[in-house]
Amino acid sequence: MERTGLTALMNALRAGDTVVIWRLDRLGRSPKNLIQLVEDLETAKARLRSLQENIDTTSSGGKLIFHLFCALAEFESNLVRERTQAGMGAARARGRMGDRPKRLDPVKRALALKLYHDTPSHYR
């Protein structure tokens, strides 16, 4: 995915700049993506400050906290994925296939299609 605002930000960075964000999850799509972005900031000799988590990557402690947050976010994401897969498996075992229930029964659907096709096109 192209993120034009982020691309413009990265292109405009100068050494010594500080990128200030509200929350870490607003910057990166995944923990791996966040880590890559912070490495790119370090390469550009810029720093990152997250207001919500109170993280500043210029210090060793700030980098440690940043990586801990990323590890916890990845762990949480994996837990959600596992729970979702387990729930879907349990639903399949009960005979559910995961599709949405049909809103119209076949008779009402056929009637709606007939009415649609019988209506002159200038009324549609």
PDB file of N, CA and C in Angstrom:
ATOM      1  N   MET A   1       0.830  -1.194   0.000  1.00  0.00           N
ATOM      2  CA  MET A   1       0.000   0.000   0.000  1.00  0.00           C
ATOM      3  C   MET A   1       0.871   1.253   0.000  1.00  0.00           C
ATOM      4  N   GLU A   2       0.465   2.188  -0.775  1.00  0.00           N
ATOM      5  CA  GLU A   2       1.186   3.453  -0.840  1.00  0.00           C
ATOM      6  C   GLU A   2       0.602   4.404   0.193  1.00  0.00           C
ATOM      7  N   ARG A   3       1.451   4.963   1.006  1.00  0.00           N
ATOM      8  CA  ARG A   3       1.031   5.941   2.016  1.00  0.00           C
ATOM      9  C   ARG A   3       1.725   7.249   1.675  1.00  0.00           C
ATOM     10  N   THR A   4       1.025   8.088   0.916  1.00  0.00           N
ATOM     11  CA  THR A   4       1.638   9.293   0.359  1.00  0.00           C
ATOM     12  C   THR A   4       2.120  10.248   1.443  1.00  0.00           C
ATOM     13  N   GLY A   5       1.361  10.385   2.536  1.00  0.00           N
ATOM     14  CA  GLY A   5       1.780  11.281   3.613  1.00  0.00           C
ATOM     15  C   GLY A   5       3.067  10.811   4.264  1.00  0.00           C
ATOM     16  N   LEU A   6       3.175   9.513   4.512  1.00  0.00           N
ATOM     17  CA  LEU A   6       4.384   8.959   5.119  1.00  0.00           C
ATOM     18  C   LEU A   6       5.569   9.083   4.166  1.00  0.00           C
ATOM     19  N   THR A   7       5.340   8.828   2.886  1.00  0.00           N
ATOM     20  CA  THR A   7       6.413   8.964   1.893  1.00  0.00           C
ATOM     21  C   THR A   7       6.912  10.402   1.853  1.00  0.00           C
ATOM     22  N   ALA A   8       5.978  11.358   1.869  1.00  0.00           N
ATOM     23  CA  ALA A   8       6.367  12.776   1.849  1.00  0.00           C
ATOM     24  C   ALA A   8       7.152  13.130   3.107  1.00  0.00           C
ATOM     25  N   LEU A   9       6.717  12.605   4.253  1.00  0.00           N
ATOM     26  CA  LEU A   9       7.420  12.852   5.514  1.00  0.00           C
ATOM     27  C   LEU A   9       8.844  12.322   5.446  1.00  0.00           C
ATOM     28  N   MET A  10       9.002  11.088   5.000  1.00  0.00           N
ATOM     29  CA  MET A  10      10.328  10.475   4.950  1.00  0.00           C
ATOM     30  C   MET A  10      11.242  11.217   3.971  1.00  0.00           C
ATOM     31  N   ASN A  11      10.680  11.726   2.884  1.00  0.00           N
ATOM     32  CA  ASN A  11      11.477  12.471   1.907  1.00  0.00           C
ATOM     33  C   ASN A  11      11.887  13.844   2.422  1.00  0.00           C
ATOM     34  N   ALA A  12      11.095  14.418   3.329  1.00  0.00           N
ATOM     35  CA  ALA A  12      11.372  15.770   3.824  1.00  0.00           C
ATOM     36  C   ALA A  12      12.258  15.775   5.071  1.00  0.00           C
ATOM     37  N   LEU A  13      12.548  14.596   5.633  1.00  0.00           N
ATOM     38  CA  LEU A  13      13.332  14.537   6.866  1.00  0.00           C
ATOM     39  C   LEU A  13      14.743  15.075   6.693  1.00  0.00           C
ATOM     40  N   ARG A  14      15.210  15.778   7.742  1.00  0.00           N
ATOM     41  CA  ARG A  14      16.600  16.244   7.792  1.00  0.00           C
ATOM     42  C   ARG A  14      17.213  15.748   9.093  1.00  0.00           C
ATOM     43  N   ALA A  15      18.491  15.668   9.136  1.00  0.00           N
ATOM     44  CA  ALA A  15      19.183  15.232  10.352  1.00  0.00           C
ATOM     45  C   ALA A  15      18.763  16.131  11.511  1.00  0.00           C
ATOM     46  N   GLY A  16      18.445  15.512  12.623  1.00  0.00           N
ATOM     47  CA  GLY A  16      18.054  16.250  13.814  1.00  0.00           C
ATOM     48  C   GLY A  16      16.552  16.456  13.958  1.00  0.00           C
ATOM     49  N   ASP A  17      15.764  16.135  12.909  1.00  0.00           N
ATOM     50  CA  ASP A  17      14.310  16.281  12.987  1.00  0.00           C
ATOM     51  C   ASP A  17      13.726  15.271  13.968  1.00  0.00           C
ATOM     52  N   THR A  18      12.585  15.620  14.525  1.00  0.00           N
ATOM     53  CA  THR A  18      11.834  14.719  15.399  1.00  0.00           C
ATOM     54  C   THR A  18      10.458  14.492  14.798  1.00  0.00           C
ATOM     55  N   VAL A  19      10.115  13.246  14.571  1.00  0.00           N
ATOM     56  CA  VAL A  19       8.783  12.886  14.093  1.00  0.00           C
ATOM     57  C   VAL A  19       7.939  12.622  15.333  1.00  0.00           C
ATOM     58  N   VAL A  20       6.891  13.406  15.496  1.00  0.00           N
ATOM     59  CA  VAL A  20       6.016  13.274  16.659  1.00  0.00           C
ATOM     60  C   VAL A  20       4.706  12.646  16.191  1.00  0.00           C
ATOM     61  N   ILE A  21       4.331  11.553  16.847  1.00  0.00           N
ATOM     62  CA  ILE A  21       3.087  10.863  16.504  1.00  0.00           C
ATOM     63  C   ILE A  21       2.226  10.740  17.743  1.00  0.00           C
ATOM     64  N   TRP A  22       0.941  10.571  17.542  1.00  0.00           N
ATOM     65  CA  TRP A  22       0.013  10.420  18.659  1.00  0.00           C
ATOM     66  C   TRP A  22       0.176   9.048  19.305  1.00  0.00           C
ATOM     67  N   ARG A  23       0.132   7.988  18.483  1.00  0.00           N
ATOM     68  CA  ARG A  23       0.289   6.615  18.967  1.00  0.00           C
ATOM     69  C   ARG A  23       1.094   5.815  17.960  1.00  0.00           C
ATOM     70  N   LEU A  24       1.776   4.802  18.434  1.00  0.00           N
ATOM     71  CA  LEU A  24       2.586   3.966  17.547  1.00  0.00           C
ATOM     72  C   LEU A  24       1.751   3.323  16.448  1.00  0.00           C
ATOM     73  N   ASP A  25       0.546   2.887  16.771  1.00  0.00           N
ATOM     74  CA  ASP A  25      -0.269   2.200  15.773  1.00  0.00           C
ATOM     75  C   ASP A  25      -0.719   3.117  14.644  1.00  0.00           C
ATOM     76  N   ARG A  26      -0.581   4.418  14.801  1.00  0.00           N
ATOM     77  CA  ARG A  26      -0.921   5.363  13.739  1.00  0.00           C
ATOM     78  C   ARG A  26       0.213   5.490  12.718  1.00  0.00           C
ATOM     79  N   LEU A  27       1.404   5.054  13.091  1.00  0.00           N
ATOM     80  CA  LEU A  27       2.554   5.174  12.202  1.00  0.00           C
ATOM     81  C   LEU A  27       2.742   3.939  11.336  1.00  0.00           C
ATOM     82  N   GLY A  28       2.710   2.760  11.948  1.00  0.00           N
ATOM     83  CA  GLY A  28       3.021   1.540  11.219  1.00  0.00           C
ATOM     84  C   GLY A  28       1.857   0.585  11.153  1.00  0.00           C
ATOM     85  N   ARG A  29       1.875  -0.253  10.143  1.00  0.00           N
ATOM     86  CA  ARG A  29       0.813  -1.239   9.927  1.00  0.00           C
ATOM     87  C   ARG A  29       1.018  -2.509  10.765  1.00  0.00           C
ATOM     88  N   SER A  30       2.267  -2.772  11.127  1.00  0.00           N
ATOM     89  CA  SER A  30       2.590  -3.971  11.883  1.00  0.00           C
ATOM     90  C   SER A  30       3.843  -3.679  12.695  1.00  0.00           C
ATOM     91  N   PRO A  31       4.129  -4.522  13.694  1.00  0.00           N
ATOM     92  CA  PRO A  31       5.369  -4.312  14.450  1.00  0.00           C
ATOM     93  C   PRO A  31       6.614  -4.319  13.561  1.00  0.00           C
ATOM     94  N   LYS A  32       6.664  -5.213  12.574  1.00  0.00           N
ATOM     95  CA  LYS A  32       7.820  -5.262  11.666  1.00  0.00           C
ATOM     96  C   LYS A  32       7.929  -3.954  10.888  1.00  0.00           C
ATOM     97  N   ASN A  33       6.792  -3.441  10.442  1.00  0.00           N
ATOM     98  CA  ASN A  33       6.767  -2.182   9.699  1.00  0.00           C
ATOM     99  C   ASN A  33       7.238  -1.030  10.585  1.00  0.00           C
ATOM    100  N   LEU A  34       6.801  -1.009  11.845  1.00  0.00           N
ATOM    101  CA  LEU A  34       7.234   0.030  12.788  1.00  0.00           C
ATOM    102  C   LEU A  34       8.743  -0.001  12.989  1.00  0.00           C
ATOM    103  N   ILE A  35       9.280  -1.186  13.193  1.00  0.00           N
ATOM    104  CA  ILE A  35      10.722  -1.328  13.422  1.00  0.00           C
ATOM    105  C   ILE A  35      11.493  -0.834  12.199  1.00  0.00           C
ATOM    106  N   GLN A  36      11.011  -1.192  11.001  1.00  0.00           N
ATOM    107  CA  GLN A  36      11.673  -0.733   9.774  1.00  0.00           C
ATOM    108  C   GLN A  36      11.621   0.787   9.663  1.00  0.00           C
ATOM    109  N   LEU A  37      10.483   1.383  10.004  1.00  0.00           N
ATOM    110  CA  LEU A  37      10.360   2.836   9.936  1.00  0.00           C
ATOM    111  C   LEU A  37      11.308   3.523  10.918  1.00  0.00           C
ATOM    112  N   VAL A  38      11.433   2.972  12.122  1.00  0.00           N
ATOM    113  CA  VAL A  38      12.347   3.554  13.108  1.00  0.00           C
ATOM    114  C   VAL A  38      13.790   3.417  12.635  1.00  0.00           C
ATOM    115  N   GLU A  39      14.131   2.290  12.006  1.00  0.00           N
ATOM    116  CA  GLU A  39      15.481   2.133  11.454  1.00  0.00           C
ATOM    117  C   GLU A  39      15.722   3.155  10.339  1.00  0.00           C
ATOM    118  N   ASP A  40      14.693   3.392   9.517  1.00  0.00           N
ATOM    119  CA  ASP A  40      14.817   4.409   8.457  1.00  0.00           C
ATOM    120  C   ASP A  40      15.009   5.797   9.063  1.00  0.00           C
ATOM    121  N   LEU A  41      14.314   6.073  10.160  1.00  0.00           N
ATOM    122  CA  LEU A  41      14.489   7.360  10.840  1.00  0.00           C
ATOM    123  C   LEU A  41      15.907   7.490  11.385  1.00  0.00           C
ATOM    124  N   GLU A  42      16.417   6.409  11.965  1.00  0.00           N
ATOM    125  CA  GLU A  42      17.785   6.431  12.497  1.00  0.00           C
ATOM    126  C   GLU A  42      18.789   6.671  11.380  1.00  0.00           C
ATOM    127  N   THR A  43      18.571   6.041  10.229  1.00  0.00           N
ATOM    128  CA  THR A  43      19.454   6.238   9.079  1.00  0.00           C
ATOM    129  C   THR A  43      19.446   7.703   8.649  1.00  0.00           C
ATOM    130  N   ALA A  44      18.275   8.327   8.728  1.00  0.00           N
ATOM    131  CA  ALA A  44      18.148   9.746   8.362  1.00  0.00           C
ATOM    132  C   ALA A  44      18.576  10.662   9.507  1.00  0.00           C
ATOM    133  N   LYS A  45      19.047  10.062  10.609  1.00  0.00           N
ATOM    134  CA  LYS A  45      19.474  10.804  11.798  1.00  0.00           C
ATOM    135  C   LYS A  45      18.337  11.648  12.377  1.00  0.00           C
ATOM    136  N   ALA A  46      17.133  11.068  12.324  1.00  0.00           N
ATOM    137  CA  ALA A  46      15.957  11.696  12.919  1.00  0.00           C
ATOM    138  C   ALA A  46      15.500  10.824  14.079  1.00  0.00           C
ATOM    139  N   ARG A  47      14.617  11.356  14.901  1.00  0.00           N
ATOM    140  CA  ARG A  47      14.147  10.578  16.038  1.00  0.00           C
ATOM    141  C   ARG A  47      12.632  10.527  16.035  1.00  0.00           C
ATOM    142  N   LEU A  48      12.090   9.632  16.830  1.00  0.00           N
ATOM    143  CA  LEU A  48      10.648   9.424  16.910  1.00  0.00           C
ATOM    144  C   LEU A  48      10.185   9.673  18.332  1.00  0.00           C
ATOM    145  N   ARG A  49       9.092  10.394  18.464  1.00  0.00           N
ATOM    146  CA  ARG A  49       8.442  10.572  19.762  1.00  0.00           C
ATOM    147  C   ARG A  49       6.994  10.179  19.617  1.00  0.00           C
ATOM    148  N   SER A  50       6.545   9.296  20.501  1.00  0.00           N
ATOM    149  CA  SER A  50       5.148   8.900  20.551  1.00  0.00           C
ATOM    150  C   SER A  50       4.548   9.500  21.813  1.00  0.00           C
ATOM    151  N   LEU A  51       3.532  10.322  21.642  1.00  0.00           N
ATOM    152  CA  LEU A  51       2.953  11.030  22.783  1.00  0.00           C
ATOM    153  C   LEU A  51       2.179  10.103  23.713  1.00  0.00           C
ATOM    154  N   GLN A  52       1.371   9.218  23.165  1.00  0.00           N
ATOM    155  CA  GLN A  52       0.527   8.349  23.991  1.00  0.00           C
ATOM    156  C   GLN A  52       1.358   7.375  24.821  1.00  0.00           C
ATOM    157  N   GLU A  53       2.360   6.760  24.211  1.00  0.00           N
ATOM    158  CA  GLU A  53       3.179   5.775  24.923  1.00  0.00           C
ATOM    159  C   GLU A  53       4.385   6.416  25.605  1.00  0.00           C
ATOM    160  N   ASN A  54       4.592   7.700  25.380  1.00  0.00           N
ATOM    161  CA  ASN A  54       5.718   8.444  25.962  1.00  0.00           C
ATOM    162  C   ASN A  54       7.052   7.766  25.627  1.00  0.00           C
ATOM    163  N   ILE A  55       7.250   7.546  24.334  1.00  0.00           N
ATOM    164  CA  ILE A  55       8.470   6.888  23.846  1.00  0.00           C
ATOM    165  C   ILE A  55       9.282   7.895  23.046  1.00  0.00           C
ATOM    166  N   ASP A  56      10.577   7.916  23.316  1.00  0.00           N
ATOM    167  CA  ASP A  56      11.511   8.753  22.563  1.00  0.00           C
ATOM    168  C   ASP A  56      12.686   7.866  22.190  1.00  0.00           C
ATOM    169  N   THR A  57      12.885   7.647  20.888  1.00  0.00           N
ATOM    170  CA  THR A  57      13.886   6.670  20.442  1.00  0.00           C
ATOM    171  C   THR A  57      15.313   7.211  20.445  1.00  0.00           C
ATOM    172  N   THR A  58      15.534   8.401  20.979  1.00  0.00           N
ATOM    173  CA  THR A  58      16.913   8.907  21.010  1.00  0.00           C
ATOM    174  C   THR A  58      17.707   8.293  22.147  1.00  0.00           C
ATOM    175  N   SER A  59      17.034   7.786  23.164  1.00  0.00           N
ATOM    176  CA  SER A  59      17.749   7.187  24.295  1.00  0.00           C
ATOM    177  C   SER A  59      17.706   5.665  24.200  1.00  0.00           C
ATOM    178  N   SER A  60      18.632   5.018  24.873  1.00  0.00           N
ATOM    179  CA  SER A  60      18.654   3.550  24.894  1.00  0.00           C
ATOM    180  C   SER A  60      17.391   3.007  25.544  1.00  0.00           C
ATOM    181  N   GLY A  61      16.953   3.659  26.614  1.00  0.00           N
ATOM    182  CA  GLY A  61      15.729   3.229  27.292  1.00  0.00           C
ATOM    183  C   GLY A  61      14.508   3.389  26.405  1.00  0.00           C
ATOM    184  N   GLY A  62      14.472   4.477  25.639  1.00  0.00           N
ATOM    185  CA  GLY A  62      13.358   4.692  24.715  1.00  0.00           C
ATOM    186  C   GLY A  62      13.310   3.633  23.636  1.00  0.00           C
ATOM    187  N   LYS A  63      14.482   3.242  23.123  1.00  0.00           N
ATOM    188  CA  LYS A  63      14.534   2.189  22.110  1.00  0.00           C
ATOM    189  C   LYS A  63      14.079   0.856  22.702  1.00  0.00           C
ATOM    190  N   LEU A  64      14.499   0.585  23.948  1.00  0.00           N
ATOM    191  CA  LEU A  64      14.087  -0.655  24.599  1.00  0.00           C
ATOM    192  C   LEU A  64      12.565  -0.701  24.745  1.00  0.00           C
ATOM    193  N   ILE A  65      11.979   0.374  25.252  1.00  0.00           N
ATOM    194  CA  ILE A  65      10.528   0.419  25.433  1.00  0.00           C
ATOM    195  C   ILE A  65       9.819   0.274  24.091  1.00  0.00           C
ATOM    196  N   PHE A  66      10.342   0.936  23.058  1.00  0.00           N
ATOM    197  CA  PHE A  66       9.763   0.829  21.722  1.00  0.00           C
ATOM    198  C   PHE A  66       9.724  -0.626  21.277  1.00  0.00           C
ATOM    199  N   HIS A  67      10.848  -1.338  21.412  1.00  0.00           N
ATOM    200  CA  HIS A  67      10.906  -2.734  20.978  1.00  0.00           C
ATOM    201  C   HIS A  67      10.016  -3.628  21.839  1.00  0.00           C
ATOM    202  N   LEU A  68       9.898  -3.327  23.118  1.00  0.00           N
ATOM    203  CA  LEU A  68       8.980  -4.089  23.983  1.00  0.00           C
ATOM    204  C   LEU A  68       7.538  -3.899  23.529  1.00  0.00           C
ATOM    205  N   PHE A  69       7.166  -2.659  23.233  1.00  0.00           N
ATOM    206  CA  PHE A  69       5.811  -2.388  22.745  1.00  0.00           C
ATOM    207  C   PHE A  69       5.551  -3.144  21.452  1.00  0.00           C
ATOM    208  N   CYS A  70       6.515  -3.145  20.548  1.00  0.00           N
ATOM    209  CA  CYS A  70       6.362  -3.860  19.277  1.00  0.00           C
ATOM    210  C   CYS A  70       6.202  -5.360  19.508  1.00  0.00           C
ATOM    211  N   ALA A  71       7.006  -5.917  20.418  1.00  0.00           N
ATOM    212  CA  ALA A  71       6.906  -7.349  20.717  1.00  0.00           C
ATOM    213  C   ALA A  71       5.548  -7.682  21.315  1.00  0.00           C
ATOM    214  N   LEU A  72       5.058  -6.842  22.220  1.00  0.00           N
ATOM    215  CA  LEU A  72       3.737  -7.065  22.819  1.00  0.00           C
ATOM    216  C   LEU A  72       2.634  -6.940  21.784  1.00  0.00           C
ATOM    217  N   ALA A  73       2.742  -5.982  20.875  1.00  0.00           N
ATOM    218  CA  ALA A  73       1.737  -5.815  19.829  1.00  0.00           C
ATOM    219  C   ALA A  73       1.699  -7.029  18.905  1.00  0.00           C
ATOM    220  N   GLU A  74       2.871  -7.556  18.572  1.00  0.00           N
ATOM    221  CA  GLU A  74       2.918  -8.737  17.721  1.00  0.00           C
ATOM    222  C   GLU A  74       2.326  -9.947  18.445  1.00  0.00           C
ATOM    223  N   PHE A  75       2.633 -10.085  19.728  1.00  0.00           N
ATOM    224  CA  PHE A  75       2.078 -11.171  20.533  1.00  0.00           C
ATOM    225  C   PHE A  75       0.558 -11.079  20.569  1.00  0.00           C
ATOM    226  N   GLU A  76       0.036  -9.884  20.804  1.00  0.00           N
ATOM    227  CA  GLU A  76      -1.412  -9.681  20.868  1.00  0.00           C
ATOM    228  C   GLU A  76      -2.061  -9.998  19.516  1.00  0.00           C
ATOM    229  N   SER A  77      -1.427  -9.568  18.437  1.00  0.00           N
ATOM    230  CA  SER A  77      -1.946  -9.840  17.101  1.00  0.00           C
ATOM    231  C   SER A  77      -2.011 -11.342  16.839  1.00  0.00           C
ATOM    232  N   ASN A  78      -0.975 -12.067  17.247  1.00  0.00           N
ATOM    233  CA  ASN A  78      -0.966 -13.523  17.079  1.00  0.00           C
ATOM    234  C   ASN A  78      -2.051 -14.186  17.912  1.00  0.00           C
ATOM    235  N   LEU A  79      -2.283 -13.695  19.141  1.00  0.00           N
ATOM    236  CA  LEU A  79      -3.354 -14.249  19.975  1.00  0.00           C
ATOM    237  C   LEU A  79      -4.719 -14.047  19.331  1.00  0.00           C
ATOM    238  N   VAL A  80      -4.956 -12.857  18.806  1.00  0.00           N
ATOM    239  CA  VAL A  80      -6.234 -12.575  18.149  1.00  0.00           C
ATOM    240  C   VAL A  80      -6.421 -13.507  16.954  1.00  0.00           C
ATOM    241  N   ARG A  81      -5.372 -13.685  16.159  1.00  0.00           N
ATOM    242  CA  ARG A  81      -5.444 -14.568  14.999  1.00  0.00           C
ATOM    243  C   ARG A  81      -5.763 -16.002  15.429  1.00  0.00           C
ATOM    244  N   GLU A  82      -5.082 -16.485  16.479  1.00  0.00           N
ATOM    245  CA  GLU A  82      -5.325 -17.857  16.961  1.00  0.00           C
ATOM    246  C   GLU A  82      -6.752 -18.016  17.470  1.00  0.00           C
ATOM    247  N   ARG A  83      -7.239 -17.038  18.217  1.00  0.00           N
ATOM    248  CA  ARG A  83      -8.612 -17.107  18.741  1.00  0.00           C
ATOM    249  C   ARG A  83      -9.628 -17.089  17.607  1.00  0.00           C
ATOM    250  N   THR A  84      -9.382 -16.269  16.602  1.00  0.00           N
ATOM    251  CA  THR A  84     -10.300 -16.197  15.469  1.00  0.00           C
ATOM    252  C   THR A  84     -10.347 -17.527  14.738  1.00  0.00           C
ATOM    253  N   GLN A  85      -9.179 -18.120  14.490  1.00  0.00           N
ATOM    254  CA  GLN A  85      -9.131 -19.412  13.798  1.00  0.00           C
ATOM    255  C   GLN A  85      -9.799 -20.502  14.625  1.00  0.00           C
ATOM    256  N   ALA A  86      -9.596 -20.483  15.945  1.00  0.00           N
ATOM    257  CA  ALA A  86     -10.230 -21.480  16.808  1.00  0.00           C
ATOM    258  C   ALA A  86     -11.744 -21.310  16.789  1.00  0.00           C
ATOM    259  N   GLY A  87     -12.217 -20.060  16.830  1.00  0.00           N
ATOM    260  CA  GLY A  87     -13.660 -19.805  16.785  1.00  0.00           C
ATOM    261  C   GLY A  87     -14.275 -20.238  15.472  1.00  0.00           C
ATOM    262  N   MET A  88     -13.556 -19.976  14.366  1.00  0.00           N
ATOM    263  CA  MET A  88     -14.069 -20.395  13.064  1.00  0.00           C
ATOM    264  C   MET A  88     -14.095 -21.917  12.952  1.00  0.00           C
ATOM    265  N   GLY A  89     -13.085 -22.571  13.515  1.00  0.00           N
ATOM    266  CA  GLY A  89     -13.055 -24.033  13.506  1.00  0.00           C
ATOM    267  C   GLY A  89     -14.204 -24.622  14.315  1.00  0.00           C
ATOM    268  N   ALA A  90     -14.472 -24.022  15.476  1.00  0.00           N
ATOM    269  CA  ALA A  90     -15.588 -24.492  16.313  1.00  0.00           C
ATOM    270  C   ALA A  90     -16.918 -24.270  15.600  1.00  0.00           C
ATOM    271  N   ALA A  91     -17.070 -23.141  14.926  1.00  0.00           N
ATOM    272  CA  ALA A  91     -18.303 -22.864  14.190  1.00  0.00           C
ATOM    273  C   ALA A  91     -18.484 -23.861  13.049  1.00  0.00           C
ATOM    274  N   ARG A  92     -17.392 -24.171  12.328  1.00  0.00           N
ATOM    275  CA  ARG A  92     -17.475 -25.158  11.246  1.00  0.00           C
ATOM    276  C   ARG A  92     -17.877 -26.524  11.796  1.00  0.00           C
ATOM    277  N   ALA A  93     -17.358 -26.870  12.983  1.00  0.00           N
ATOM    278  CA  ALA A  93     -17.704 -28.159  13.600  1.00  0.00           C
ATOM    279  C   ALA A  93     -19.197 -28.219  13.937  1.00  0.00           C
ATOM    280  N   ARG A  94     -19.808 -27.052  14.179  1.00  0.00           N
ATOM    281  CA  ARG A  94     -21.253 -26.995  14.468  1.00  0.00           C
ATOM    282  C   ARG A  94     -22.080 -26.862  13.194  1.00  0.00           C
ATOM    283  N   GLY A  95     -21.395 -26.865  12.035  1.00  0.00           N
ATOM    284  CA  GLY A  95     -22.112 -26.796  10.768  1.00  0.00           C
ATOM    285  C   GLY A  95     -22.186 -25.416  10.148  1.00  0.00           C
ATOM    286  N   ARG A  96     -21.610 -24.425  10.783  1.00  0.00           N
ATOM    287  CA  ARG A  96     -21.610 -23.058  10.226  1.00  0.00           C
ATOM    288  C   ARG A  96     -20.470 -22.938   9.224  1.00  0.00           C
ATOM    289  N   MET A  97     -20.735 -22.295   8.119  1.00  0.00           N
ATOM    290  CA  MET A  97     -19.709 -22.150   7.098  1.00  0.00           C
ATOM    291  C   MET A  97     -19.137 -20.732   7.046  1.00  0.00           C
ATOM    292  N   GLY A  98     -19.648 -19.816   7.815  1.00  0.00           N
ATOM    293  CA  GLY A  98     -19.081 -18.484   7.872  1.00  0.00           C
ATOM    294  C   GLY A  98     -19.731 -17.470   6.956  1.00  0.00           C
ATOM    295  N   ASP A  99     -20.617 -17.901   6.085  1.00  0.00           N
ATOM    296  CA  ASP A  99     -21.289 -16.945   5.219  1.00  0.00           C
ATOM    297  C   ASP A  99     -22.355 -16.184   5.989  1.00  0.00           C
ATOM    298  N   ARG A 100     -22.652 -14.995   5.504  1.00  0.00           N
ATOM    299  CA  ARG A 100     -23.754 -14.242   6.079  1.00  0.00           C
ATOM    300  C   ARG A 100     -25.056 -14.933   5.731  1.00  0.00           C
ATOM    301  N   PRO A 101     -26.025 -14.877   6.626  1.00  0.00           N
ATOM    302  CA  PRO A 101     -27.330 -15.437   6.269  1.00  0.00           C
ATOM    303  C   PRO A 101     -27.942 -14.623   5.121  1.00  0.00           C
ATOM    304  N   LYS A 102     -28.619 -15.287   4.216  1.00  0.00           N
ATOM    305  CA  LYS A 102     -29.266 -14.605   3.107  1.00  0.00           C
ATOM    306  C   LYS A 102     -30.427 -13.778   3.653  1.00  0.00           C
ATOM    307  N   ARG A 103     -30.555 -12.575   3.147  1.00  0.00           N
ATOM    308  CA  ARG A 103     -31.600 -11.677   3.626  1.00  0.00           C
ATOM    309  C   ARG A 103     -32.948 -12.041   3.025  1.00  0.00           C
ATOM    310  N   LEU A 104     -32.940 -12.488   1.795  1.00  0.00           N
ATOM    311  CA  LEU A 104     -34.172 -12.871   1.116  1.00  0.00           C
ATOM    312  C   LEU A 104     -34.183 -14.375   0.884  1.00  0.00           C
ATOM    313  N   ASP A 105     -35.354 -14.976   1.094  1.00  0.00           N
ATOM    314  CA  ASP A 105     -35.455 -16.389   0.747  1.00  0.00           C
ATOM    315  C   ASP A 105     -35.531 -16.489  -0.778  1.00  0.00           C
ATOM    316  N   PRO A 106     -35.350 -17.671  -1.347  1.00  0.00           N
ATOM    317  CA  PRO A 106     -35.288 -17.806  -2.811  1.00  0.00           C
ATOM    318  C   PRO A 106     -36.534 -17.277  -3.535  1.00  0.00           C
ATOM    319  N   VAL A 107     -37.728 -17.427  -2.958  1.00  0.00           N
ATOM    320  CA  VAL A 107     -38.960 -16.960  -3.606  1.00  0.00           C
ATOM    321  C   VAL A 107     -38.971 -15.435  -3.693  1.00  0.00           C
ATOM    322  N   LYS A 108     -38.639 -14.756  -2.594  1.00  0.00           N
ATOM    323  CA  LYS A 108     -38.621 -13.289  -2.583  1.00  0.00           C
ATOM    324  C   LYS A 108     -37.509 -12.751  -3.492  1.00  0.00           C
ATOM    325  N   ARG A 109     -36.388 -13.454  -3.545  1.00  0.00           N
ATOM    326  CA  ARG A 109     -35.295 -13.025  -4.409  1.00  0.00           C
ATOM    327  C   ARG A 109     -35.709 -13.108  -5.872  1.00  0.00           C
ATOM    328  N   ALA A 110     -36.353 -14.205  -6.242  1.00  0.00           N
ATOM    329  CA  ALA A 110     -36.809 -14.379  -7.626  1.00  0.00           C
ATOM    330  C   ALA A 110     -37.817 -13.297  -7.996  1.00  0.00           C
ATOM    331  N   LEU A 111     -38.736 -12.965  -7.080  1.00  0.00           N
ATOM    332  CA  LEU A 111     -39.719 -11.916  -7.326  1.00  0.00           C
ATOM    333  C   LEU A 111     -39.036 -10.562  -7.520  1.00  0.00           C
ATOM    334  N   ALA A 112     -38.057 -10.245  -6.661  1.00  0.00           N
ATOM    335  CA  ALA A 112     -37.336  -8.970  -6.769  1.00  0.00           C
ATOM    336  C   ALA A 112     -36.619  -8.873  -8.112  1.00  0.00           C
ATOM    337  N   LEU A 113     -35.959  -9.948  -8.547  1.00  0.00           N
ATOM    338  CA  LEU A 113     -35.274  -9.946  -9.836  1.00  0.00           C
ATOM    339  C   LEU A 113     -36.253  -9.793 -10.995  1.00  0.00           C
ATOM    340  N   LYS A 114     -37.416 -10.466 -10.904  1.00  0.00           N
ATOM    341  CA  LYS A 114     -38.432 -10.348 -11.964  1.00  0.00           C
ATOM    342  C   LYS A 114     -38.920  -8.908 -12.056  1.00  0.00           C
ATOM    343  N   LEU A 115     -39.232  -8.298 -10.904  1.00  0.00           N
ATOM    344  CA  LEU A 115     -39.700  -6.906 -10.900  1.00  0.00           C
ATOM    345  C   LEU A 115     -38.624  -5.970 -11.457  1.00  0.00           C
ATOM    346  N   TYR A 116     -37.369  -6.221 -11.108  1.00  0.00           N
ATOM    347  CA  TYR A 116     -36.272  -5.387 -11.600  1.00  0.00           C
ATOM    348  C   TYR A 116     -36.181  -5.472 -13.124  1.00  0.00           C
ATOM    349  N   HIS A 117     -36.212  -6.688 -13.646  1.00  0.00           N
ATOM    350  CA  HIS A 117     -36.054  -6.870 -15.092  1.00  0.00           C
ATOM    351  C   HIS A 117     -37.290  -6.407 -15.874  1.00  0.00           C
ATOM    352  N   ASP A 118     -38.475  -6.439 -15.238  1.00  0.00           N
ATOM    353  CA  ASP A 118     -39.700  -5.987 -15.900  1.00  0.00           C
ATOM    354  C   ASP A 118     -39.846  -4.469 -15.889  1.00  0.00           C
ATOM    355  N   THR A 119     -39.057  -3.776 -15.071  1.00  0.00           N
ATOM    356  CA  THR A 119     -39.136  -2.320 -14.980  1.00  0.00           C
ATOM    357  C   THR A 119     -38.369  -1.708 -16.150  1.00  0.00           C
ATOM    358  N   PRO A 120     -38.987  -0.713 -16.855  1.00  0.00           N
ATOM    359  CA  PRO A 120     -38.247  -0.045 -17.936  1.00  0.00           C
ATOM    360  C   PRO A 120     -36.963   0.587 -17.425  1.00  0.00           C
ATOM    361  N   SER A 121     -35.937   0.570 -18.247  1.00  0.00           N
ATOM    362  CA  SER A 121     -34.616   1.025 -17.813  1.00  0.00           C
ATOM    363  C   SER A 121     -34.596   2.501 -17.414  1.00  0.00           C
ATOM    364  N   HIS A 122     -35.466   3.332 -17.990  1.00  0.00           N
ATOM    365  CA  HIS A 122     -35.438   4.750 -17.632  1.00  0.00           C
ATOM    366  C   HIS A 122     -35.990   4.998 -16.222  1.00  0.00           C
ATOM    367  N   TYR A 123     -36.602   3.999 -15.585  1.00  0.00           N
ATOM    368  CA  TYR A 123     -37.059   4.135 -14.202  1.00  0.00           C
ATOM    369  C   TYR A 123     -36.015   3.637 -13.192  1.00  0.00           C
ATOM    370  N   ARG A 124     -34.973   2.984 -13.669  1.00  0.00           N
ATOM    371  CA  ARG A 124     -33.968   2.425 -12.765  1.00  0.00           C
ATOM    372  C   ARG A 124     -32.916   3.426 -12.412  1.00  0.00           C
TER     373      ARG A 124
END
